[in-house]
PDB file of N, CA and C in Angstrom:
ATOM      1  N   UNK A   1     102.141  95.436  93.654  1.00  0.00           N
ATOM      2  CA  UNK A   1     101.628  94.274  94.190  1.00  0.00           C
ATOM      3  C   UNK A   1     100.496  93.603  93.384  1.00  0.00           C
ATOM      4  N   UNK A   2      99.678  94.360  92.694  1.00  0.00           N
ATOM      5  CA  UNK A   2      98.706  93.751  91.981  1.00  0.00           C
ATOM      6  C   UNK A   2      99.204  92.954  90.760  1.00  0.00           C
ATOM      7  N   UNK A   3     100.275  93.377  90.039  1.00  0.00           N
ATOM      8  CA  UNK A   3     100.871  92.607  89.035  1.00  0.00           C
ATOM      9  C   UNK A   3     101.462  91.386  89.495  1.00  0.00           C
ATOM     10  N   UNK A   4     102.229  91.359  90.547  1.00  0.00           N
ATOM     11  CA  UNK A   4     102.731  90.158  91.101  1.00  0.00           C
ATOM     12  C   UNK A   4     101.619  89.140  91.490  1.00  0.00           C
ATOM     13  N   UNK A   5     100.542  89.653  92.239  1.00  0.00           N
ATOM     14  CA  UNK A   5      99.446  88.757  92.609  1.00  0.00           C
ATOM     15  C   UNK A   5      98.725  88.202  91.409  1.00  0.00           C
ATOM     16  N   UNK A   6      98.618  89.001  90.248  1.00  0.00           N
ATOM     17  CA  UNK A   6      98.021  88.510  89.072  1.00  0.00           C
ATOM     18  C   UNK A   6      98.834  87.405  88.415  1.00  0.00           C
ATOM     19  N   UNK A   7     100.097  87.651  88.395  1.00  0.00           N
ATOM     20  CA  UNK A   7     101.137  86.610  87.809  1.00  0.00           C
ATOM     21  C   UNK A   7     101.082  85.319  88.528  1.00  0.00           C
ATOM     22  N   UNK A   8     101.132  85.528  89.876  1.00  0.00           N
ATOM     23  CA  UNK A   8     101.097  84.268  90.724  1.00  0.00           C
ATOM     24  C   UNK A   8      99.772  83.578  90.593  1.00  0.00           C
ATOM     25  N   UNK A   9      98.631  84.351  90.361  1.00  0.00           N
ATOM     26  CA  UNK A   9      97.289  83.735  90.189  1.00  0.00           C
ATOM     27  C   UNK A   9      97.313  82.941  88.808  1.00  0.00           C
ATOM     28  N   UNK A  10      98.061  83.602  87.870  1.00  0.00           N
ATOM     29  CA  UNK A  10      98.029  82.571  86.556  1.00  0.00           C
ATOM     30  C   UNK A  10      98.765  81.420  86.809  1.00  0.00           C
ATOM     31  N   UNK A  11      99.812  81.414  87.498  1.00  0.00           N
ATOM     32  CA  UNK A  11     100.605  80.163  87.872  1.00  0.00           C
ATOM     33  C   UNK A  11      99.589  79.381  88.691  1.00  0.00           C
ATOM     34  N   UNK A  12      99.062  79.730  89.659  1.00  0.00           N
ATOM     35  CA  UNK A  12      98.191  78.911  90.609  1.00  0.00           C
ATOM     36  C   UNK A  12      97.075  78.257  89.633  1.00  0.00           C
ATOM     37  N   UNK A  13      96.554  78.873  88.742  1.00  0.00           N
ATOM     38  CA  UNK A  13      95.478  78.431  87.848  1.00  0.00           C
ATOM     39  C   UNK A  13      96.058  77.330  87.055  1.00  0.00           C
ATOM     40  N   UNK A  14      97.270  77.452  86.528  1.00  0.00           N
ATOM     41  CA  UNK A  14      97.907  76.504  85.553  1.00  0.00           C
ATOM     42  C   UNK A  14      98.144  75.258  86.568  1.00  0.00           C
ATOM     43  N   UNK A  15      98.719  75.608  87.616  1.00  0.00           N
ATOM     44  CA  UNK A  15      99.088  74.377  88.608  1.00  0.00           C
ATOM     45  C   UNK A  15      97.739  73.604  88.949  1.00  0.00           C
ATOM     46  N   UNK A  16      96.761  74.282  89.146  1.00  0.00           N
ATOM     47  CA  UNK A  16      95.465  73.657  89.469  1.00  0.00           C
ATOM     48  C   UNK A  16      95.039  72.731  88.279  1.00  0.00           C
ATOM     49  N   UNK A  17      95.108  73.178  87.141  1.00  0.00           N
ATOM     50  CA  UNK A  17      94.618  72.428  85.920  1.00  0.00           C
ATOM     51  C   UNK A  17      95.655  71.220  85.841  1.00  0.00           C
ATOM     52  N   UNK A  18      96.929  71.516  85.971  1.00  0.00           N
ATOM     53  CA  UNK A  18      98.001  70.406  85.748  1.00  0.00           C
ATOM     54  C   UNK A  18      97.706  69.349  86.803  1.00  0.00           C
ATOM     55  N   UNK A  19      97.551  69.615  88.201  1.00  0.00           N
ATOM     56  CA  UNK A  19      97.388  68.713  89.193  1.00  0.00           C
ATOM     57  C   UNK A  19      96.065  67.970  89.007  1.00  0.00           C
ATOM     58  N   UNK A  20      95.115  68.714  88.618  1.00  0.00           N
ATOM     59  CA  UNK A  20      93.720  68.037  88.362  1.00  0.00           C
ATOM     60  C   UNK A  20      93.964  66.985  87.189  1.00  0.00           C
ATOM     61  N   UNK A  21      94.703  67.389  86.178  1.00  0.00           N
ATOM     62  CA  UNK A  21      94.777  66.546  85.044  1.00  0.00           C
ATOM     63  C   UNK A  21      95.648  65.230  85.394  1.00  0.00           C
ATOM     64  N   UNK A  22      96.566  65.410  86.323  1.00  0.00           N
ATOM     65  CA  UNK A  22      97.459  64.354  86.793  1.00  0.00           C
ATOM     66  C   UNK A  22      96.732  63.163  87.678  1.00  0.00           C
ATOM     67  N   UNK A  23      95.686  63.661  88.243  1.00  0.00           N
ATOM     68  CA  UNK A  23      94.938  62.874  89.262  1.00  0.00           C
ATOM     69  C   UNK A  23      94.285  61.653  88.509  1.00  0.00           C
ATOM     70  N   UNK A  24      94.821  60.407  88.863  1.00  0.00           N
ATOM     71  CA  UNK A  24      94.378  59.273  88.137  1.00  0.00           C
ATOM     72  C   UNK A  24      93.058  58.854  88.591  1.00  0.00           C
ATOM     73  N   UNK A  25      92.770  59.309  89.836  1.00  0.00           N
ATOM     74  CA  UNK A  25      91.277  58.998  90.431  1.00  0.00           C
ATOM     75  C   UNK A  25      90.288  59.890  89.640  1.00  0.00           C
ATOM     76  N   UNK A  26      90.696  60.742  88.970  1.00  0.00           N
ATOM     77  CA  UNK A  26      89.583  61.555  88.162  1.00  0.00           C
ATOM     78  C   UNK A  26      88.767  60.786  87.285  1.00  0.00           C
ATOM     79  N   UNK A  27      89.371  59.964  86.459  1.00  0.00           N
ATOM     80  CA  UNK A  27      88.685  58.926  85.566  1.00  0.00           C
ATOM     81  C   UNK A  27      88.066  57.778  86.178  1.00  0.00           C
ATOM     82  N   UNK A  28      88.726  57.389  87.368  1.00  0.00           N
ATOM     83  CA  UNK A  28      88.432  56.095  87.982  1.00  0.00           C
ATOM     84  C   UNK A  28      87.231  56.219  89.005  1.00  0.00           C
ATOM     85  N   UNK A  29      86.746  57.417  89.104  1.00  0.00           N
ATOM     86  CA  UNK A  29      85.741  57.549  90.260  1.00  0.00           C
ATOM     87  C   UNK A  29      84.702  58.672  89.865  1.00  0.00           C
ATOM     88  N   UNK A  30      83.492  58.539  90.270  1.00  0.00           N
ATOM     89  CA  UNK A  30      82.493  59.549  90.054  1.00  0.00           C
ATOM     90  C   UNK A  30      82.506  60.558  91.276  1.00  0.00           C
ATOM     91  N   UNK A  31      83.520  60.348  92.196  1.00  0.00           N
ATOM     92  CA  UNK A  31      83.578  61.328  93.313  1.00  0.00           C
ATOM     93  C   UNK A  31      84.685  62.302  92.958  1.00  0.00           C
ATOM     94  N   UNK A  32      84.463  63.487  93.295  1.00  0.00           N
ATOM     95  CA  UNK A  32      85.440  64.671  92.890  1.00  0.00           C
ATOM     96  C   UNK A  32      86.668  64.641  93.780  1.00  0.00           C
ATOM     97  N   UNK A  33      87.412  63.496  93.786  1.00  0.00           N
ATOM     98  CA  UNK A  33      88.616  63.412  94.600  1.00  0.00           C
ATOM     99  C   UNK A  33      89.702  64.521  94.141  1.00  0.00           C
ATOM    100  N   UNK A  34      89.815  64.808  92.838  1.00  0.00           N
ATOM    101  CA  UNK A  34      90.888  65.726  92.336  1.00  0.00           C
ATOM    102  C   UNK A  34      90.683  67.032  93.024  1.00  0.00           C
ATOM    103  N   UNK A  35      89.395  67.634  93.006  1.00  0.00           N
ATOM    104  CA  UNK A  35      89.152  68.922  93.718  1.00  0.00           C
ATOM    105  C   UNK A  35      89.309  68.860  95.040  1.00  0.00           C
ATOM    106  N   UNK A  36      88.975  67.823  95.714  1.00  0.00           N
ATOM    107  CA  UNK A  36      89.103  67.697  97.240  1.00  0.00           C
ATOM    108  C   UNK A  36      90.601  67.734  97.633  1.00  0.00           C
ATOM    109  N   UNK A  37      91.512  67.087  96.874  1.00  0.00           N
ATOM    110  CA  UNK A  37      92.836  66.995  97.016  1.00  0.00           C
ATOM    111  C   UNK A  37      93.511  68.361  96.880  1.00  0.00           C
ATOM    112  N   UNK A  38      93.070  68.968  95.823  1.00  0.00           N
ATOM    113  CA  UNK A  38      93.653  70.362  95.359  1.00  0.00           C
ATOM    114  C   UNK A  38      93.262  71.265  96.578  1.00  0.00           C
ATOM    115  N   UNK A  39      92.083  71.305  96.968  1.00  0.00           N
ATOM    116  CA  UNK A  39      91.615  72.275  98.117  1.00  0.00           C
ATOM    117  C   UNK A  39      92.180  71.855  99.369  1.00  0.00           C
ATOM    118  N   UNK A  40      92.361  70.686  99.755  1.00  0.00           N
ATOM    119  CA  UNK A  40      92.874  70.316 101.115  1.00  0.00           C
ATOM    120  C   UNK A  40      94.460  70.744 100.937  1.00  0.00           C
ATOM    121  N   UNK A  41      95.175  70.412  99.884  1.00  0.00           N
ATOM    122  CA  UNK A  41      96.624  70.780  99.814  1.00  0.00           C
ATOM    123  C   UNK A  41      96.710  72.219  99.751  1.00  0.00           C
ATOM    124  N   UNK A  42      95.845  72.962  99.134  1.00  0.00           N
ATOM    125  CA  UNK A  42      96.026  74.455  99.063  1.00  0.00           C
ATOM    126  C   UNK A  42      95.740  75.031 100.491  1.00  0.00           C
ATOM    127  N   UNK A  43      94.782  74.531 101.130  1.00  0.00           N
ATOM    128  CA  UNK A  43      94.600  74.883 102.588  1.00  0.00           C
ATOM    129  C   UNK A  43      95.771  74.622 103.538  1.00  0.00           C
ATOM    130  N   UNK A  44      96.401  73.490 103.269  1.00  0.00           N
ATOM    131  CA  UNK A  44      97.636  73.178 104.069  1.00  0.00           C
ATOM    132  C   UNK A  44      98.612  74.183 103.725  1.00  0.00           C
ATOM    133  N   UNK A  45      98.955  74.410 102.400  1.00  0.00           N
ATOM    134  CA  UNK A  45      99.931  75.341 102.087  1.00  0.00           C
ATOM    135  C   UNK A  45      99.691  76.847 102.586  1.00  0.00           C
ATOM    136  N   UNK A  46      98.415  77.175 102.560  1.00  0.00           N
ATOM    137  CA  UNK A  46      97.962  78.507 103.001  1.00  0.00           C
ATOM    138  C   UNK A  46      98.257  78.542 104.495  1.00  0.00           C
ATOM    139  N   UNK A  47      97.891  77.531 105.277  1.00  0.00           N
ATOM    140  CA  UNK A  47      98.242  77.560 106.690  1.00  0.00           C
ATOM    141  C   UNK A  47      99.592  77.612 107.017  1.00  0.00           C
ATOM    142  N   UNK A  48     100.527  76.995 106.315  1.00  0.00           N
ATOM    143  CA  UNK A  48     102.006  77.182 106.413  1.00  0.00           C
ATOM    144  C   UNK A  48     102.310  78.596 106.190  1.00  0.00           C
ATOM    145  N   UNK A  49     101.814  79.087 105.098  1.00  0.00           N
ATOM    146  CA  UNK A  49     102.221  80.483 104.681  1.00  0.00           C
ATOM    147  C   UNK A  49     101.581  81.490 105.761  1.00  0.00           C
ATOM    148  N   UNK A  50     100.554  81.271 106.257  1.00  0.00           N
ATOM    149  CA  UNK A  50      99.944  82.097 107.403  1.00  0.00           C
ATOM    150  C   UNK A  50     100.937  82.007 108.470  1.00  0.00           C
ATOM    151  N   UNK A  51     101.359  80.819 108.861  1.00  0.00           N
ATOM    152  CA  UNK A  51     102.408  80.818 110.055  1.00  0.00           C
ATOM    153  C   UNK A  51     103.611  81.561 109.813  1.00  0.00           C
ATOM    154  N   UNK A  52     104.246  81.441 108.603  1.00  0.00           N
ATOM    155  CA  UNK A  52     105.347  82.147 108.201  1.00  0.00           C
ATOM    156  C   UNK A  52     105.138  83.699 108.390  1.00  0.00           C
ATOM    157  N   UNK A  53     103.946  84.051 107.855  1.00  0.00           N
ATOM    158  CA  UNK A  53     103.623  85.552 107.790  1.00  0.00           C
ATOM    159  C   UNK A  53     103.481  86.072 109.320  1.00  0.00           C
ATOM    160  N   UNK A  54     102.880  85.171 110.117  1.00  0.00           N
ATOM    161  CA  UNK A  54     102.637  85.646 111.556  1.00  0.00           C
ATOM    162  C   UNK A  54     103.890  85.743 112.244  1.00  0.00           C
ATOM    163  N   UNK A  55     104.835  84.976 111.895  1.00  0.00           N
ATOM    164  CA  UNK A  55     106.191  85.013 112.532  1.00  0.00           C
ATOM    165  C   UNK A  55     107.106  86.051 111.900  1.00  0.00           C
ATOM    166  N   UNK A  56     106.581  86.848 110.909  1.00  0.00           N
ATOM    167  CA  UNK A  56     107.291  87.868 110.223  1.00  0.00           C
ATOM    168  C   UNK A  56     108.450  87.244 109.399  1.00  0.00           C
ATOM    169  N   UNK A  57     108.434  86.021 108.970  1.00  0.00           N
ATOM    170  CA  UNK A  57     109.437  85.329 108.148  1.00  0.00           C
ATOM    171  C   UNK A  57     109.212  85.657 106.543  1.00  0.00           C
ATOM    172  N   UNK A  58     108.057  86.230 106.314  1.00  0.00           N
ATOM    173  CA  UNK A  58     107.843  86.601 104.972  1.00  0.00           C
ATOM    174  C   UNK A  58     107.087  87.901 105.076  1.00  0.00           C
ATOM    175  N   UNK A  59     107.298  88.727 104.081  1.00  0.00           N
ATOM    176  CA  UNK A  59     106.698  90.026 104.066  1.00  0.00           C
ATOM    177  C   UNK A  59     105.388  90.152 103.389  1.00  0.00           C
ATOM    178  N   UNK A  60     104.676  91.188 103.345  1.00  0.00           N
ATOM    179  CA  UNK A  60     103.326  91.387 102.891  1.00  0.00           C
ATOM    180  C   UNK A  60     103.269  91.113 101.506  1.00  0.00           C
ATOM    181  N   UNK A  61     104.363  91.363 100.685  1.00  0.00           N
ATOM    182  CA  UNK A  61     104.260  91.153  99.288  1.00  0.00           C
ATOM    183  C   UNK A  61     104.098  89.551  99.078  1.00  0.00           C
ATOM    184  N   UNK A  62     105.007  88.890  99.676  1.00  0.00           N
ATOM    185  CA  UNK A  62     105.141  87.513  99.587  1.00  0.00           C
ATOM    186  C   UNK A  62     103.679  86.715 100.045  1.00  0.00           C
ATOM    187  N   UNK A  63     103.279  87.275 101.075  1.00  0.00           N
ATOM    188  CA  UNK A  63     101.865  86.767 101.600  1.00  0.00           C
ATOM    189  C   UNK A  63     100.877  87.006 100.532  1.00  0.00           C
ATOM    190  N   UNK A  64     100.621  88.100 100.045  1.00  0.00           N
ATOM    191  CA  UNK A  64      99.784  88.519  98.997  1.00  0.00           C
ATOM    192  C   UNK A  64     100.023  87.588  97.758  1.00  0.00           C
ATOM    193  N   UNK A  65     101.209  87.745  97.210  1.00  0.00           N
ATOM    194  CA  UNK A  65     101.475  87.030  95.902  1.00  0.00           C
ATOM    195  C   UNK A  65     101.260  85.448  96.057  1.00  0.00           C
ATOM    196  N   UNK A  66     101.721  84.875  97.124  1.00  0.00           N
ATOM    197  CA  UNK A  66     101.547  83.502  97.317  1.00  0.00           C
ATOM    198  C   UNK A  66     100.160  83.018  97.847  1.00  0.00           C
ATOM    199  N   UNK A  67      99.749  83.835  98.804  1.00  0.00           N
ATOM    200  CA  UNK A  67      98.414  83.448  99.489  1.00  0.00           C
ATOM    201  C   UNK A  67      97.230  83.743  98.639  1.00  0.00           C
ATOM    202  N   UNK A  68      97.180  84.936  98.165  1.00  0.00           N
ATOM    203  CA  UNK A  68      95.986  85.562  97.450  1.00  0.00           C
ATOM    204  C   UNK A  68      96.178  84.967  95.957  1.00  0.00           C
ATOM    205  N   UNK A  69      97.316  85.226  95.364  1.00  0.00           N
ATOM    206  CA  UNK A  69      97.649  84.913  93.868  1.00  0.00           C
ATOM    207  C   UNK A  69      97.602  83.469  93.729  1.00  0.00           C
ATOM    208  N   UNK A  70      98.704  82.934  94.135  1.00  0.00           N
ATOM    209  CA  UNK A  70      99.087  81.350  93.796  1.00  0.00           C
ATOM    210  C   UNK A  70      97.896  80.446  94.313  1.00  0.00           C
ATOM    211  N   UNK A  71      97.804  80.622  95.708  1.00  0.00           N
ATOM    212  CA  UNK A  71      96.926  79.660  96.402  1.00  0.00           C
ATOM    213  C   UNK A  71      95.461  79.970  96.153  1.00  0.00           C
ATOM    214  N   UNK A  72      95.150  81.286  96.011  1.00  0.00           N
ATOM    215  CA  UNK A  72      93.866  81.557  95.800  1.00  0.00           C
ATOM    216  C   UNK A  72      93.320  81.061  94.397  1.00  0.00           C
ATOM    217  N   UNK A  73      94.238  81.171  93.453  1.00  0.00           N
ATOM    218  CA  UNK A  73      93.806  80.488  92.065  1.00  0.00           C
ATOM    219  C   UNK A  73      94.092  78.993  92.140  1.00  0.00           C
ATOM    220  N   UNK A  74      94.893  78.416  93.050  1.00  0.00           N
ATOM    221  CA  UNK A  74      95.146  76.965  92.941  1.00  0.00           C
ATOM    222  C   UNK A  74      93.942  76.254  93.449  1.00  0.00           C
ATOM    223  N   UNK A  75      93.363  76.754  94.637  1.00  0.00           N
ATOM    224  CA  UNK A  75      92.216  76.205  95.187  1.00  0.00           C
ATOM    225  C   UNK A  75      90.988  76.710  94.485  1.00  0.00           C
ATOM    226  N   UNK A  76      89.873  76.043  94.513  1.00  0.00           N
ATOM    227  CA  UNK A  76      88.720  76.442  93.785  1.00  0.00           C
ATOM    228  C   UNK A  76      87.432  76.152  94.510  1.00  0.00           C
ATOM    229  N   UNK A  77      86.829  77.247  95.130  1.00  0.00           N
ATOM    230  CA  UNK A  77      85.435  77.101  95.650  1.00  0.00           C
ATOM    231  C   UNK A  77      84.445  76.759  94.489  1.00  0.00           C
ATOM    232  N   UNK A  78      84.627  77.460  93.359  1.00  0.00           N
ATOM    233  CA  UNK A  78      83.551  77.473  92.305  1.00  0.00           C
ATOM    234  C   UNK A  78      83.465  75.910  91.833  1.00  0.00           C
ATOM    235  N   UNK A  79      84.552  75.335  91.500  1.00  0.00           N
ATOM    236  CA  UNK A  79      84.586  73.830  91.080  1.00  0.00           C
ATOM    237  C   UNK A  79      83.903  72.980  92.202  1.00  0.00           C
ATOM    238  N   UNK A  80      84.260  73.220  93.401  1.00  0.00           N
ATOM    239  CA  UNK A  80      83.715  72.571  94.544  1.00  0.00           C
ATOM    240  C   UNK A  80      82.155  72.689  94.556  1.00  0.00           C
ATOM    241  N   UNK A  81      81.632  73.850  94.332  1.00  0.00           N
ATOM    242  CA  UNK A  81      80.296  74.110  94.373  1.00  0.00           C
ATOM    243  C   UNK A  81      79.635  73.529  93.272  1.00  0.00           C
ATOM    244  N   UNK A  82      80.173  73.565  91.947  1.00  0.00           N
ATOM    245  CA  UNK A  82      79.779  72.772  90.774  1.00  0.00           C
ATOM    246  C   UNK A  82      79.723  71.401  90.883  1.00  0.00           C
ATOM    247  N   UNK A  83      80.703  70.774  91.391  1.00  0.00           N
ATOM    248  CA  UNK A  83      80.728  69.308  91.620  1.00  0.00           C
ATOM    249  C   UNK A  83      79.660  68.889  92.762  1.00  0.00           C
ATOM    250  N   UNK A  84      79.552  69.695  93.782  1.00  0.00           N
ATOM    251  CA  UNK A  84      78.594  69.353  94.750  1.00  0.00           C
ATOM    252  C   UNK A  84      77.170  69.332  94.234  1.00  0.00           C
ATOM    253  N   UNK A  85      76.855  70.437  93.398  1.00  0.00           N
ATOM    254  CA  UNK A  85      75.612  70.485  92.764  1.00  0.00           C
ATOM    255  C   UNK A  85      75.329  69.411  91.894  1.00  0.00           C
ATOM    256  N   UNK A  86      76.302  68.790  91.165  1.00  0.00           N
ATOM    257  CA  UNK A  86      76.253  67.650  90.228  1.00  0.00           C
ATOM    258  C   UNK A  86      75.722  66.440  91.160  1.00  0.00           C
ATOM    259  N   UNK A  87      76.469  66.286  92.278  1.00  0.00           N
ATOM    260  CA  UNK A  87      76.200  65.190  93.127  1.00  0.00           C
ATOM    261  C   UNK A  87      74.752  65.154  93.687  1.00  0.00           C
ATOM    262  N   UNK A  88      74.339  66.410  94.018  1.00  0.00           N
ATOM    263  CA  UNK A  88      73.052  66.621  94.521  1.00  0.00           C
ATOM    264  C   UNK A  88      71.952  66.280  93.387  1.00  0.00           C
ATOM    265  N   UNK A  89      72.245  66.847  92.238  1.00  0.00           N
ATOM    266  CA  UNK A  89      71.256  66.531  90.977  1.00  0.00           C
ATOM    267  C   UNK A  89      71.285  65.111  90.644  1.00  0.00           C
ATOM    268  N   UNK A  90      72.243  64.402  90.903  1.00  0.00           N
ATOM    269  CA  UNK A  90      72.341  62.916  90.677  1.00  0.00           C
ATOM    270  C   UNK A  90      71.748  62.054  91.839  1.00  0.00           C
ATOM    271  N   UNK A  91      71.198  62.896  92.770  1.00  0.00           N
ATOM    272  CA  UNK A  91      70.518  62.338  94.069  1.00  0.00           C
ATOM    273  C   UNK A  91      71.503  61.522  94.804  1.00  0.00           C
ATOM    274  N   UNK A  92      72.863  61.703  94.693  1.00  0.00           N
ATOM    275  CA  UNK A  92      73.866  61.021  95.444  1.00  0.00           C
ATOM    276  C   UNK A  92      74.198  61.839  96.746  1.00  0.00           C
ATOM    277  N   UNK A  93      73.242  62.018  97.658  1.00  0.00           N
ATOM    278  CA  UNK A  93      73.207  62.697  98.905  1.00  0.00           C
ATOM    279  C   UNK A  93      74.284  62.261  99.823  1.00  0.00           C
ATOM    280  N   UNK A  94      74.517  60.926  99.848  1.00  0.00           N
ATOM    281  CA  UNK A  94      75.612  60.487 100.768  1.00  0.00           C
ATOM    282  C   UNK A  94      77.020  61.098 100.203  1.00  0.00           C
ATOM    283  N   UNK A  95      77.157  60.886  99.009  1.00  0.00           N
ATOM    284  CA  UNK A  95      78.473  61.421  98.455  1.00  0.00           C
ATOM    285  C   UNK A  95      78.616  62.840  98.500  1.00  0.00           C
ATOM    286  N   UNK A  96      77.393  63.535  98.296  1.00  0.00           N
ATOM    287  CA  UNK A  96      77.471  65.104  98.467  1.00  0.00           C
ATOM    288  C   UNK A  96      77.726  65.431  99.853  1.00  0.00           C
ATOM    289  N   UNK A  97      77.115  64.808 100.847  1.00  0.00           N
ATOM    290  CA  UNK A  97      77.489  65.070 102.294  1.00  0.00           C
ATOM    291  C   UNK A  97      78.884  64.821 102.624  1.00  0.00           C
ATOM    292  N   UNK A  98      79.453  63.688 102.166  1.00  0.00           N
ATOM    293  CA  UNK A  98      80.718  63.375 102.341  1.00  0.00           C
ATOM    294  C   UNK A  98      81.687  64.302 101.766  1.00  0.00           C
ATOM    295  N   UNK A  99      81.434  64.788 100.629  1.00  0.00           N
ATOM    296  CA  UNK A  99      82.200  65.862  99.961  1.00  0.00           C
ATOM    297  C   UNK A  99      82.382  67.139 100.650  1.00  0.00           C
ATOM    298  N   UNK A 100      81.133  67.572 101.181  1.00  0.00           N
ATOM    299  CA  UNK A 100      80.975  68.805 101.983  1.00  0.00           C
ATOM    300  C   UNK A 100      81.954  68.601 103.182  1.00  0.00           C
ATOM    301  N   UNK A 101      81.727  67.594 103.983  1.00  0.00           N
ATOM    302  CA  UNK A 101      82.369  67.483 105.301  1.00  0.00           C
ATOM    303  C   UNK A 101      83.829  67.200 104.946  1.00  0.00           C
ATOM    304  N   UNK A 102      84.312  66.307 104.005  1.00  0.00           N
ATOM    305  CA  UNK A 102      85.698  66.155 103.800  1.00  0.00           C
ATOM    306  C   UNK A 102      86.308  67.431 103.365  1.00  0.00           C
ATOM    307  N   UNK A 103      85.750  68.228 102.381  1.00  0.00           N
ATOM    308  CA  UNK A 103      86.318  69.400 101.940  1.00  0.00           C
ATOM    309  C   UNK A 103      86.489  70.386 103.180  1.00  0.00           C
ATOM    310  N   UNK A 104      85.481  70.756 103.934  1.00  0.00           N
ATOM    311  CA  UNK A 104      85.591  71.601 105.057  1.00  0.00           C
ATOM    312  C   UNK A 104      86.444  71.214 106.200  1.00  0.00           C
ATOM    313  N   UNK A 105      86.129  69.981 106.730  1.00  0.00           N
ATOM    314  CA  UNK A 105      86.900  69.560 107.828  1.00  0.00           C
ATOM    315  C   UNK A 105      88.378  69.343 107.524  1.00  0.00           C
ATOM    316  N   UNK A 106      88.727  68.593 106.390  1.00  0.00           N
ATOM    317  CA  UNK A 106      90.066  68.362 106.056  1.00  0.00           C
ATOM    318  C   UNK A 106      90.868  69.624 105.739  1.00  0.00           C
ATOM    319  N   UNK A 107      90.057  70.540 105.020  1.00  0.00           N
ATOM    320  CA  UNK A 107      90.731  71.854 104.672  1.00  0.00           C
ATOM    321  C   UNK A 107      91.137  72.752 105.915  1.00  0.00           C
ATOM    322  N   UNK A 108      90.211  72.733 106.838  1.00  0.00           N
ATOM    323  CA  UNK A 108      90.462  73.508 108.071  1.00  0.00           C
ATOM    324  C   UNK A 108      91.483  72.889 108.931  1.00  0.00           C
ATOM    325  N   UNK A 109      91.391  71.517 108.991  1.00  0.00           N
ATOM    326  CA  UNK A 109      92.406  70.747 109.955  1.00  0.00           C
ATOM    327  C   UNK A 109      93.752  70.899 109.211  1.00  0.00           C
ATOM    328  N   UNK A 110      93.859  70.798 107.871  1.00  0.00           N
ATOM    329  CA  UNK A 110      95.132  70.858 107.256  1.00  0.00           C
ATOM    330  C   UNK A 110      95.748  72.252 107.439  1.00  0.00           C
ATOM    331  N   UNK A 111      94.871  73.306 107.225  1.00  0.00           N
ATOM    332  CA  UNK A 111      95.451  74.593 107.427  1.00  0.00           C
ATOM    333  C   UNK A 111      95.893  74.782 108.910  1.00  0.00           C
ATOM    334  N   UNK A 112      95.158  74.266 109.825  1.00  0.00           N
ATOM    335  CA  UNK A 112      95.582  74.564 111.330  1.00  0.00           C
ATOM    336  C   UNK A 112      96.921  73.711 111.562  1.00  0.00           C
ATOM    337  N   UNK A 113      96.847  72.556 111.191  1.00  0.00           N
ATOM    338  CA  UNK A 113      98.158  71.579 111.403  1.00  0.00           C
ATOM    339  C   UNK A 113      99.364  72.350 110.829  1.00  0.00           C
ATOM    340  N   UNK A 114      99.258  72.747 109.564  1.00  0.00           N
ATOM    341  CA  UNK A 114     100.466  73.167 108.978  1.00  0.00           C
ATOM    342  C   UNK A 114     100.908  74.557 109.372  1.00  0.00           C
ATOM    343  N   UNK A 115      99.890  75.384 109.855  1.00  0.00           N
ATOM    344  CA  UNK A 115     100.239  76.742 110.571  1.00  0.00           C
ATOM    345  C   UNK A 115     100.957  76.446 111.825  1.00  0.00           C
ATOM    346  N   UNK A 116     100.377  75.547 112.599  1.00  0.00           N
ATOM    347  CA  UNK A 116     100.903  75.044 113.894  1.00  0.00           C
ATOM    348  C   UNK A 116     102.306  74.544 113.804  1.00  0.00           C
ATOM    349  N   UNK A 117     102.524  73.692 112.833  1.00  0.00           N
ATOM    350  CA  UNK A 117     103.801  73.134 112.474  1.00  0.00           C
ATOM    351  C   UNK A 117     104.809  74.203 112.277  1.00  0.00           C
ATOM    352  N   UNK A 118     104.338  75.159 111.447  1.00  0.00           N
ATOM    353  CA  UNK A 118     105.385  76.235 111.307  1.00  0.00           C
ATOM    354  C   UNK A 118     105.686  77.145 112.370  1.00  0.00           C
ATOM    355  N   UNK A 119     104.661  77.393 113.199  1.00  0.00           N
ATOM    356  CA  UNK A 119     104.807  78.080 114.524  1.00  0.00           C
ATOM    357  C   UNK A 119     105.632  77.475 115.491  1.00  0.00           C
ATOM    358  N   UNK A 120     105.648  76.212 115.417  1.00  0.00           N
ATOM    359  CA  UNK A 120     106.501  75.465 116.497  1.00  0.00           C
ATOM    360  C   UNK A 120     107.931  75.190 115.969  1.00  0.00           C
ATOM    361  N   UNK A 121     108.288  75.502 114.748  1.00  0.00           N
ATOM    362  CA  UNK A 121     109.589  75.336 114.249  1.00  0.00           C
ATOM    363  C   UNK A 121     110.625  76.318 114.854  1.00  0.00           C
TER     364      UNK A 121
END
């Protein structure tokens, strides 16, 4: 299980880098939209995966490999923290507050909605 989780983590980290580089808003804005989108997307996917696991449609290995490995490496709390501190240091308190609220609220809502969608299918 550990090797599979590690391999999926490597893939998740590469996907995170790739999606972050694709984001055109990365250069167009001083707001960390790229990380916000990655974290909300990862939360939505984890919510869907959680719903599949709860319904016993995937086994423990798949849950660990995709949830812990792939999505754990795809989403990034450390980058969120770093970017939040940058906004605070720049005294952009409104942007920092919006970033916190958007990341947490949208992430939780996305996970809940996608979990519920899977449970109702």
